[in-house]
Amino acid sequence: MTAPLTSHPWPLTTPGTPAPVPLEVAASARARRRGLLGRDGIDGALLLSPAAAVHTLGMRFAIDVAYMDRKFRVLAVRTMKPGRMGRPRPRSRHILEAEAGAMERWGVRRGAQITVHDR
């Protein structure tokens, strides 16, 4: 059995995207712990909430990680190779994960405002 994830039909928008980005939301503590482990990639992004740190131990691909505050303002963006441990970020409440290079294409950088749309 896989960890429960939900997919939003009106997902998220970023400063540099003309169209919404497909979004999966980790809907439980188990889903947040699993994150993108066991996958070969992701179409769009995965939102972990609440979360302040991530790791890529056991990952098959490099990821971009955006640490966000309570209002979904980006505090920091990092690219993590497989097999790394990320440090907790002060004030981080949400984390957005995507394949490496995606955040730059979407215009996600420190200070950017991310909008997660309701269903």
N, C-alpha and C. Protein backbone atom coordinates (compact mmCIF):
# COMPACT_ATOMS: atom_id res chain seq x y z
N MET A 1 0.85 -1.18 0.00
CA MET A 1 0.00 0.00 0.00
C MET A 1 0.89 1.24 0.00
N THR A 2 0.57 2.21 -0.84
CA THR A 2 1.35 3.43 -0.90
C THR A 2 0.78 4.46 0.05
N ALA A 3 1.61 5.42 0.39
CA ALA A 3 1.18 6.50 1.28
C ALA A 3 0.14 7.36 0.57
N PRO A 4 -0.90 7.82 1.30
CA PRO A 4 -1.95 8.59 0.66
C PRO A 4 -1.48 9.96 0.18
N LEU A 5 -1.75 10.22 -1.07
CA LEU A 5 -1.47 11.52 -1.66
C LEU A 5 -2.76 12.00 -2.29
N THR A 6 -2.92 13.29 -2.36
CA THR A 6 -4.06 13.83 -3.07
C THR A 6 -3.55 14.67 -4.21
N SER A 7 -4.29 14.74 -5.27
CA SER A 7 -3.91 15.54 -6.42
C SER A 7 -4.96 16.63 -6.57
N HIS A 8 -4.52 17.87 -6.68
CA HIS A 8 -5.44 19.00 -6.82
C HIS A 8 -5.67 19.30 -8.29
N PRO A 9 -6.93 19.45 -8.73
CA PRO A 9 -7.17 19.79 -10.12
C PRO A 9 -6.72 21.22 -10.46
N TRP A 10 -6.81 22.16 -9.54
CA TRP A 10 -6.29 23.52 -9.71
C TRP A 10 -5.11 23.62 -8.78
N PRO A 11 -3.95 23.25 -9.23
CA PRO A 11 -2.83 23.08 -8.31
C PRO A 11 -2.17 24.36 -7.84
N LEU A 12 -0.98 24.63 -8.27
CA LEU A 12 -0.27 25.79 -7.76
C LEU A 12 0.24 26.63 -8.90
N THR A 13 0.42 27.91 -8.60
CA THR A 13 1.03 28.81 -9.58
C THR A 13 2.26 29.43 -8.95
N THR A 14 3.20 29.76 -9.81
CA THR A 14 4.45 30.36 -9.38
C THR A 14 4.66 31.62 -10.21
N PRO A 15 5.60 32.46 -9.83
CA PRO A 15 5.82 33.71 -10.56
C PRO A 15 6.13 33.53 -12.05
N GLY A 16 6.76 32.40 -12.44
CA GLY A 16 7.18 32.23 -13.82
C GLY A 16 6.39 31.23 -14.63
N THR A 17 5.24 30.78 -14.14
CA THR A 17 4.47 29.78 -14.88
C THR A 17 3.21 30.39 -15.47
N PRO A 18 3.02 30.25 -16.79
CA PRO A 18 1.80 30.75 -17.40
C PRO A 18 0.60 29.85 -17.10
N ALA A 19 0.87 28.58 -16.80
CA ALA A 19 -0.20 27.62 -16.50
C ALA A 19 0.07 26.99 -15.14
N PRO A 20 -0.96 26.55 -14.44
CA PRO A 20 -0.76 25.91 -13.14
C PRO A 20 0.14 24.67 -13.24
N VAL A 21 0.88 24.43 -12.19
CA VAL A 21 1.78 23.28 -12.10
C VAL A 21 1.03 22.14 -11.41
N PRO A 22 1.06 20.92 -11.98
CA PRO A 22 0.41 19.79 -11.29
C PRO A 22 1.00 19.61 -9.90
N LEU A 23 0.13 19.37 -8.94
CA LEU A 23 0.55 19.30 -7.54
C LEU A 23 0.00 18.06 -6.87
N GLU A 24 0.86 17.37 -6.14
CA GLU A 24 0.44 16.31 -5.24
C GLU A 24 0.68 16.84 -3.84
N VAL A 25 -0.20 16.49 -2.92
CA VAL A 25 -0.07 16.94 -1.54
C VAL A 25 0.08 15.72 -0.64
N ALA A 26 1.14 15.70 0.16
CA ALA A 26 1.31 14.62 1.13
C ALA A 26 0.26 14.83 2.21
N ALA A 27 -0.74 13.94 2.25
CA ALA A 27 -1.92 14.13 3.08
C ALA A 27 -1.79 13.53 4.48
N SER A 28 -0.68 12.90 4.79
CA SER A 28 -0.51 12.29 6.12
C SER A 28 0.96 12.33 6.51
N ALA A 29 1.23 12.05 7.78
CA ALA A 29 2.62 12.00 8.25
C ALA A 29 3.38 10.92 7.48
N ARG A 30 2.75 9.83 7.21
CA ARG A 30 3.39 8.74 6.46
C ARG A 30 3.75 9.19 5.04
N ALA A 31 2.85 9.88 4.40
CA ALA A 31 3.11 10.38 3.04
C ALA A 31 4.25 11.41 3.05
N ARG A 32 4.31 12.24 4.08
CA ARG A 32 5.40 13.22 4.18
C ARG A 32 6.74 12.53 4.38
N ARG A 33 6.75 11.46 5.20
CA ARG A 33 8.00 10.71 5.41
C ARG A 33 8.47 10.05 4.11
N ARG A 34 7.53 9.54 3.34
CA ARG A 34 7.88 8.85 2.09
C ARG A 34 8.28 9.83 1.01
N GLY A 35 7.60 10.96 0.89
CA GLY A 35 7.93 11.96 -0.11
C GLY A 35 8.02 11.37 -1.50
N LEU A 36 9.14 11.56 -2.17
CA LEU A 36 9.33 11.06 -3.55
C LEU A 36 10.15 9.78 -3.59
N LEU A 37 10.38 9.15 -2.44
CA LEU A 37 11.15 7.91 -2.40
C LEU A 37 10.48 6.82 -3.23
N GLY A 38 11.28 6.07 -3.95
CA GLY A 38 10.77 4.96 -4.75
C GLY A 38 10.28 5.36 -6.12
N ARG A 39 10.34 6.63 -6.46
CA ARG A 39 9.89 7.10 -7.77
C ARG A 39 11.07 7.36 -8.68
N ASP A 40 10.79 7.37 -9.98
CA ASP A 40 11.80 7.70 -10.97
C ASP A 40 11.69 9.15 -11.42
N GLY A 41 10.67 9.86 -10.97
CA GLY A 41 10.47 11.25 -11.33
C GLY A 41 9.10 11.71 -10.87
N ILE A 42 8.77 12.96 -11.19
CA ILE A 42 7.46 13.51 -10.84
C ILE A 42 7.07 14.53 -11.91
N ASP A 43 5.82 14.50 -12.31
CA ASP A 43 5.28 15.48 -13.23
C ASP A 43 4.65 16.58 -12.39
N GLY A 44 5.36 17.67 -12.19
CA GLY A 44 4.86 18.74 -11.33
C GLY A 44 5.63 18.77 -10.03
N ALA A 45 4.90 18.89 -8.92
CA ALA A 45 5.55 19.06 -7.62
C ALA A 45 4.81 18.29 -6.53
N LEU A 46 5.50 18.11 -5.42
CA LEU A 46 4.93 17.49 -4.23
C LEU A 46 5.02 18.50 -3.09
N LEU A 47 3.91 18.75 -2.42
CA LEU A 47 3.86 19.66 -1.28
C LEU A 47 3.86 18.84 0.01
N LEU A 48 4.82 19.13 0.88
CA LEU A 48 4.89 18.51 2.20
C LEU A 48 4.50 19.58 3.21
N SER A 49 3.46 19.30 3.99
CA SER A 49 2.99 20.30 4.94
C SER A 49 2.32 19.63 6.13
N PRO A 50 2.77 19.91 7.34
CA PRO A 50 3.88 20.77 7.71
C PRO A 50 5.21 20.04 7.52
N ALA A 51 6.25 20.80 7.23
CA ALA A 51 7.59 20.24 7.07
C ALA A 51 8.63 21.35 7.18
N ALA A 52 9.78 21.01 7.75
CA ALA A 52 10.87 21.98 7.89
C ALA A 52 12.18 21.46 7.33
N ALA A 53 12.24 20.14 7.02
CA ALA A 53 13.47 19.55 6.50
C ALA A 53 13.12 18.33 5.66
N VAL A 54 14.02 17.98 4.74
CA VAL A 54 13.85 16.79 3.91
C VAL A 54 15.20 16.09 3.76
N HIS A 55 15.16 14.87 3.24
CA HIS A 55 16.38 14.14 2.92
C HIS A 55 16.17 13.47 1.57
N THR A 56 17.27 13.06 0.97
CA THR A 56 17.18 12.36 -0.31
C THR A 56 17.83 10.97 -0.22
N LEU A 57 17.87 10.42 0.99
CA LEU A 57 18.41 9.08 1.18
C LEU A 57 17.49 8.08 0.47
N GLY A 58 18.05 7.30 -0.43
CA GLY A 58 17.26 6.33 -1.17
C GLY A 58 16.58 6.88 -2.42
N MET A 59 16.79 8.17 -2.71
CA MET A 59 16.17 8.79 -3.90
C MET A 59 16.89 8.31 -5.16
N ARG A 60 16.16 8.32 -6.27
CA ARG A 60 16.70 7.90 -7.56
C ARG A 60 17.09 9.07 -8.46
N PHE A 61 16.75 10.29 -8.05
CA PHE A 61 17.03 11.46 -8.88
C PHE A 61 17.22 12.69 -7.99
N ALA A 62 17.90 13.69 -8.52
CA ALA A 62 18.11 14.94 -7.79
C ALA A 62 16.81 15.75 -7.78
N ILE A 63 16.60 16.50 -6.70
CA ILE A 63 15.38 17.30 -6.58
C ILE A 63 15.71 18.74 -6.21
N ASP A 64 14.78 19.62 -6.58
CA ASP A 64 14.78 20.99 -6.09
C ASP A 64 13.85 21.02 -4.88
N VAL A 65 14.25 21.76 -3.86
CA VAL A 65 13.47 21.87 -2.63
C VAL A 65 13.27 23.35 -2.33
N ALA A 66 12.01 23.75 -2.22
CA ALA A 66 11.68 25.14 -1.83
C ALA A 66 11.10 25.10 -0.43
N TYR A 67 11.75 25.80 0.48
CA TYR A 67 11.29 25.93 1.86
C TYR A 67 10.42 27.18 1.93
N MET A 68 9.20 27.04 2.47
CA MET A 68 8.27 28.16 2.49
C MET A 68 7.76 28.43 3.90
N ASP A 69 7.39 29.68 4.17
CA ASP A 69 6.82 30.03 5.46
C ASP A 69 5.32 29.73 5.46
N ARG A 70 4.64 30.14 6.51
CA ARG A 70 3.20 29.86 6.66
C ARG A 70 2.35 30.45 5.53
N LYS A 71 2.82 31.53 4.93
CA LYS A 71 2.06 32.20 3.87
C LYS A 71 2.54 31.80 2.47
N PHE A 72 3.30 30.70 2.39
CA PHE A 72 3.82 30.17 1.12
C PHE A 72 4.79 31.13 0.42
N ARG A 73 5.50 31.94 1.19
CA ARG A 73 6.57 32.76 0.64
C ARG A 73 7.85 31.93 0.74
N VAL A 74 8.62 31.89 -0.34
CA VAL A 74 9.81 31.05 -0.41
C VAL A 74 10.93 31.65 0.44
N LEU A 75 11.44 30.84 1.37
CA LEU A 75 12.54 31.24 2.24
C LEU A 75 13.89 30.88 1.62
N ALA A 76 13.94 29.74 0.93
CA ALA A 76 15.19 29.26 0.32
C ALA A 76 14.84 28.18 -0.69
N VAL A 77 15.70 28.03 -1.69
CA VAL A 77 15.57 26.96 -2.68
C VAL A 77 16.92 26.27 -2.78
N ARG A 78 16.92 24.97 -2.71
CA ARG A 78 18.14 24.17 -2.80
C ARG A 78 17.92 23.02 -3.77
N THR A 79 19.00 22.62 -4.45
CA THR A 79 18.98 21.39 -5.24
C THR A 79 19.73 20.35 -4.44
N MET A 80 19.11 19.19 -4.27
CA MET A 80 19.70 18.12 -3.48
C MET A 80 19.92 16.88 -4.34
N LYS A 81 21.13 16.37 -4.34
CA LYS A 81 21.45 15.12 -5.01
C LYS A 81 20.97 13.96 -4.15
N PRO A 82 20.78 12.78 -4.75
CA PRO A 82 20.41 11.61 -3.93
C PRO A 82 21.44 11.34 -2.83
N GLY A 83 20.95 10.84 -1.70
CA GLY A 83 21.82 10.46 -0.60
C GLY A 83 22.22 11.58 0.34
N ARG A 84 21.48 12.68 0.35
CA ARG A 84 21.83 13.84 1.19
C ARG A 84 20.80 14.04 2.31
N MET A 85 21.27 14.70 3.38
CA MET A 85 20.41 15.09 4.49
C MET A 85 20.29 16.61 4.47
N GLY A 86 19.07 17.11 4.45
CA GLY A 86 18.86 18.55 4.49
C GLY A 86 18.72 19.02 5.92
N ARG A 87 19.16 20.24 6.17
CA ARG A 87 19.02 20.82 7.50
C ARG A 87 17.64 21.44 7.65
N PRO A 88 17.09 21.41 8.86
CA PRO A 88 15.83 22.12 9.09
C PRO A 88 16.01 23.62 8.86
N ARG A 89 15.02 24.25 8.27
CA ARG A 89 15.06 25.69 8.03
C ARG A 89 14.19 26.41 9.05
N PRO A 90 14.74 27.37 9.76
CA PRO A 90 13.92 28.14 10.68
C PRO A 90 12.77 28.82 9.92
N ARG A 91 11.61 28.86 10.54
CA ARG A 91 10.38 29.47 9.99
C ARG A 91 9.76 28.68 8.84
N SER A 92 10.36 27.56 8.42
CA SER A 92 9.78 26.77 7.34
C SER A 92 8.56 26.01 7.84
N ARG A 93 7.47 26.13 7.12
CA ARG A 93 6.22 25.44 7.46
C ARG A 93 5.81 24.46 6.35
N HIS A 94 6.17 24.78 5.12
CA HIS A 94 5.82 23.96 3.95
C HIS A 94 7.07 23.74 3.11
N ILE A 95 7.12 22.59 2.44
CA ILE A 95 8.22 22.31 1.52
C ILE A 95 7.64 21.83 0.20
N LEU A 96 8.17 22.38 -0.87
CA LEU A 96 7.78 21.99 -2.22
C LEU A 96 8.95 21.25 -2.84
N GLU A 97 8.70 20.04 -3.35
CA GLU A 97 9.73 19.23 -4.00
C GLU A 97 9.38 19.05 -5.47
N ALA A 98 10.39 19.09 -6.33
CA ALA A 98 10.21 18.86 -7.77
C ALA A 98 11.53 18.34 -8.33
N GLU A 99 11.51 17.86 -9.56
CA GLU A 99 12.74 17.40 -10.19
C GLU A 99 13.72 18.57 -10.32
N ALA A 100 15.01 18.26 -10.22
CA ALA A 100 16.04 19.29 -10.30
C ALA A 100 15.88 20.10 -11.58
N GLY A 101 15.96 21.42 -11.44
CA GLY A 101 15.82 22.33 -12.57
C GLY A 101 14.43 22.92 -12.71
N ALA A 102 13.43 22.30 -12.12
CA ALA A 102 12.04 22.76 -12.26
C ALA A 102 11.82 24.12 -11.59
N MET A 103 12.37 24.32 -10.40
CA MET A 103 12.12 25.57 -9.68
C MET A 103 12.64 26.77 -10.47
N GLU A 104 13.80 26.63 -11.09
CA GLU A 104 14.35 27.73 -11.90
C GLU A 104 13.43 28.03 -13.08
N ARG A 105 12.94 26.98 -13.75
CA ARG A 105 12.01 27.18 -14.88
C ARG A 105 10.72 27.86 -14.44
N TRP A 106 10.27 27.57 -13.24
CA TRP A 106 9.01 28.12 -12.74
C TRP A 106 9.19 29.49 -12.09
N GLY A 107 10.39 29.97 -11.96
CA GLY A 107 10.63 31.27 -11.32
C GLY A 107 10.56 31.22 -9.81
N VAL A 108 10.76 30.04 -9.23
CA VAL A 108 10.72 29.91 -7.78
C VAL A 108 12.11 30.23 -7.23
N ARG A 109 12.17 31.31 -6.47
CA ARG A 109 13.42 31.73 -5.83
C ARG A 109 13.06 32.39 -4.51
N ARG A 110 14.07 32.69 -3.72
CA ARG A 110 13.85 33.31 -2.42
C ARG A 110 12.98 34.56 -2.56
N GLY A 111 11.95 34.66 -1.74
CA GLY A 111 11.05 35.80 -1.75
C GLY A 111 9.83 35.63 -2.65
N ALA A 112 9.83 34.63 -3.53
CA ALA A 112 8.69 34.40 -4.43
C ALA A 112 7.46 33.95 -3.63
N GLN A 113 6.30 34.34 -4.12
CA GLN A 113 5.04 33.94 -3.50
C GLN A 113 4.44 32.79 -4.30
N ILE A 114 4.21 31.66 -3.64
CA ILE A 114 3.60 30.49 -4.27
C ILE A 114 2.12 30.49 -3.92
N THR A 115 1.28 30.21 -4.89
CA THR A 115 -0.15 30.16 -4.65
C THR A 115 -0.65 28.74 -4.87
N VAL A 116 -1.22 28.14 -3.81
CA VAL A 116 -1.83 26.82 -3.91
C VAL A 116 -3.33 27.03 -3.99
N HIS A 117 -3.91 26.57 -5.09
CA HIS A 117 -5.35 26.77 -5.31
C HIS A 117 -6.17 25.68 -4.67
N ASP A 118 -7.39 26.06 -4.23
CA ASP A 118 -8.32 25.07 -3.70
C ASP A 118 -8.85 24.24 -4.85
N ARG A 119 -9.42 23.11 -4.48
CA ARG A 119 -9.97 22.21 -5.49
C ARG A 119 -11.06 22.85 -6.28
